[in-house]
Amino acid sequence: TARASVALRTLSSRFSTADGDAKPVSRAHQFDEERAAAYLRDKLSWIPAGAISFKQFTHGQSNPTFLVTLSDGRKLV
């Protein structure tokens, strides 16, 4: 939705961190990354074609937080 799109862009532009803080998704929080990528493309028309990768931040375990890297290099949280 447009609301989700704006929220993601706003959050990603305000969140500043080194990629070094993000690690492969932990076993406890694994999910179907292909399905998640398809969902994002379906709901957010501005996401470009190509690979989408997911990493997990090592902090925030009560609310796991993920780094999503788009094919054009943009990063979302």
C-alpha atoms as a PDB file:
ATOM      1  CA  THR A   1       0.000   0.000   0.000  1.00  0.00           C
ATOM      2  CA  ALA A   2       1.054   3.610  -0.369  1.00  0.00           C
ATOM      3  CA  ARG A   3       1.122   4.004   3.408  1.00  0.00           C
ATOM      4  CA  ALA A   4       3.517   1.053   3.817  1.00  0.00           C
ATOM      5  CA  SER A   5       5.676   2.373   0.995  1.00  0.00           C
ATOM      6  CA  VAL A   6       6.061   5.773   2.641  1.00  0.00           C
ATOM      7  CA  ALA A   7       6.708   4.186   6.039  1.00  0.00           C
ATOM      8  CA  LEU A   8       9.461   1.956   4.650  1.00  0.00           C
ATOM      9  CA  ARG A   9      11.132   4.803   2.779  1.00  0.00           C
ATOM     10  CA  THR A  10      10.949   7.087   5.806  1.00  0.00           C
ATOM     11  CA  LEU A  11      12.296   4.448   8.166  1.00  0.00           C
ATOM     12  CA  SER A  12      15.082   3.421   5.806  1.00  0.00           C
ATOM     13  CA  SER A  13      16.196   7.022   5.299  1.00  0.00           C
ATOM     14  CA  ARG A  14      16.353   7.646   9.069  1.00  0.00           C
ATOM     15  CA  PHE A  15      17.997   4.378  10.085  1.00  0.00           C
ATOM     16  CA  SER A  16      21.753   4.621   9.891  1.00  0.00           C
ATOM     17  CA  THR A  17      23.972   1.621  10.525  1.00  0.00           C
ATOM     18  CA  ALA A  18      26.930  -0.176   9.069  1.00  0.00           C
ATOM     19  CA  ASP A  19      26.156  -3.378   7.196  1.00  0.00           C
ATOM     20  CA  GLY A  20      28.589  -4.989   9.628  1.00  0.00           C
ATOM     21  CA  ASP A  21      25.821  -4.917  12.253  1.00  0.00           C
ATOM     22  CA  ALA A  22      23.712  -7.210  10.084  1.00  0.00           C
ATOM     23  CA  LYS A  23      24.413 -10.937   9.917  1.00  0.00           C
ATOM     24  CA  PRO A  24      22.747 -13.837   8.097  1.00  0.00           C
ATOM     25  CA  VAL A  25      19.228 -14.464   9.394  1.00  0.00           C
ATOM     26  CA  SER A  26      19.424 -16.610  12.528  1.00  0.00           C
ATOM     27  CA  ARG A  27      18.034 -20.122  12.469  1.00  0.00           C
ATOM     28  CA  ALA A  28      15.374 -19.116  15.025  1.00  0.00           C
ATOM     29  CA  HIS A  29      14.066 -16.342  12.754  1.00  0.00           C
ATOM     30  CA  GLN A  30      14.424 -17.898   9.303  1.00  0.00           C
ATOM     31  CA  PHE A  31      11.615 -17.363   6.819  1.00  0.00           C
ATOM     32  CA  ASP A  32      10.943 -18.007   3.137  1.00  0.00           C
ATOM     33  CA  GLU A  33      13.013 -15.189   1.609  1.00  0.00           C
ATOM     34  CA  GLU A  34      11.722 -15.781  -1.928  1.00  0.00           C
ATOM     35  CA  ARG A  35       8.148 -15.470  -0.704  1.00  0.00           C
ATOM     36  CA  ALA A  36       8.992 -12.318   1.271  1.00  0.00           C
ATOM     37  CA  ALA A  37      10.667 -10.777  -1.793  1.00  0.00           C
ATOM     38  CA  ALA A  38       7.627 -11.596  -3.949  1.00  0.00           C
ATOM     39  CA  TYR A  39       5.334 -10.033  -1.329  1.00  0.00           C
ATOM     40  CA  LEU A  40       7.403  -6.834  -1.246  1.00  0.00           C
ATOM     41  CA  ARG A  41       7.393  -6.563  -5.041  1.00  0.00           C
ATOM     42  CA  ASP A  42       3.633  -7.146  -5.130  1.00  0.00           C
ATOM     43  CA  LYS A  43       2.831  -4.541  -2.474  1.00  0.00           C
ATOM     44  CA  LEU A  44       5.478  -1.902  -3.233  1.00  0.00           C
ATOM     45  CA  SER A  45       5.587  -1.035  -6.921  1.00  0.00           C
ATOM     46  CA  TRP A  46       8.762   1.042  -6.588  1.00  0.00           C
ATOM     47  CA  ILE A  47      10.920  -1.976  -5.694  1.00  0.00           C
ATOM     48  CA  PRO A  48      13.104  -2.823  -8.719  1.00  0.00           C
ATOM     49  CA  ALA A  49      13.369  -6.225 -10.363  1.00  0.00           C
ATOM     50  CA  GLY A  50      16.323  -8.340  -9.343  1.00  0.00           C
ATOM     51  CA  ALA A  51      17.631 -10.018  -6.248  1.00  0.00           C
ATOM     52  CA  ILE A  52      16.544  -8.956  -2.775  1.00  0.00           C
ATOM     53  CA  SER A  53      18.691 -10.045   0.140  1.00  0.00           C
ATOM     54  CA  PHE A  54      17.832 -10.254   3.826  1.00  0.00           C
ATOM     55  CA  LYS A  55      20.107  -9.973   6.853  1.00  0.00           C
ATOM     56  CA  GLN A  56      19.295  -9.691  10.537  1.00  0.00           C
ATOM     57  CA  PHE A  57      20.619  -7.186  13.039  1.00  0.00           C
ATOM     58  CA  THR A  58      22.234  -8.784  16.053  1.00  0.00           C
ATOM     59  CA  HIS A  59      20.399  -6.529  18.510  1.00  0.00           C
ATOM     60  CA  GLY A  60      16.649  -6.241  19.118  1.00  0.00           C
ATOM     61  CA  GLN A  61      15.898  -9.916  19.742  1.00  0.00           C
ATOM     62  CA  SER A  62      12.507  -9.237  21.328  1.00  0.00           C
ATOM     63  CA  ASN A  63      11.600  -7.601  17.996  1.00  0.00           C
ATOM     64  CA  PRO A  64      13.908  -9.026  15.316  1.00  0.00           C
ATOM     65  CA  THR A  65      14.968  -6.379  12.805  1.00  0.00           C
ATOM     66  CA  PHE A  66      16.073  -7.149   9.270  1.00  0.00           C
ATOM     67  CA  LEU A  67      18.130  -5.328   6.665  1.00  0.00           C
ATOM     68  CA  VAL A  68      16.644  -5.697   3.196  1.00  0.00           C
ATOM     69  CA  THR A  69      18.986  -4.883   0.318  1.00  0.00           C
ATOM     70  CA  LEU A  70      17.398  -4.263  -3.078  1.00  0.00           C
ATOM     71  CA  SER A  71      19.027  -5.025  -6.425  1.00  0.00           C
ATOM     72  CA  ASP A  72      19.827  -1.339  -6.972  1.00  0.00           C
ATOM     73  CA  GLY A  73      21.684  -1.135  -3.651  1.00  0.00           C
ATOM     74  CA  ARG A  74      18.988   0.651  -1.654  1.00  0.00           C
ATOM     75  CA  LYS A  75      18.584  -0.633   1.854  1.00  0.00           C
ATOM     76  CA  LEU A  76      15.412  -0.926   3.932  1.00  0.00           C
ATOM     77  CA  VAL A  77      14.911  -1.790   7.583  1.00  0.00           C
END
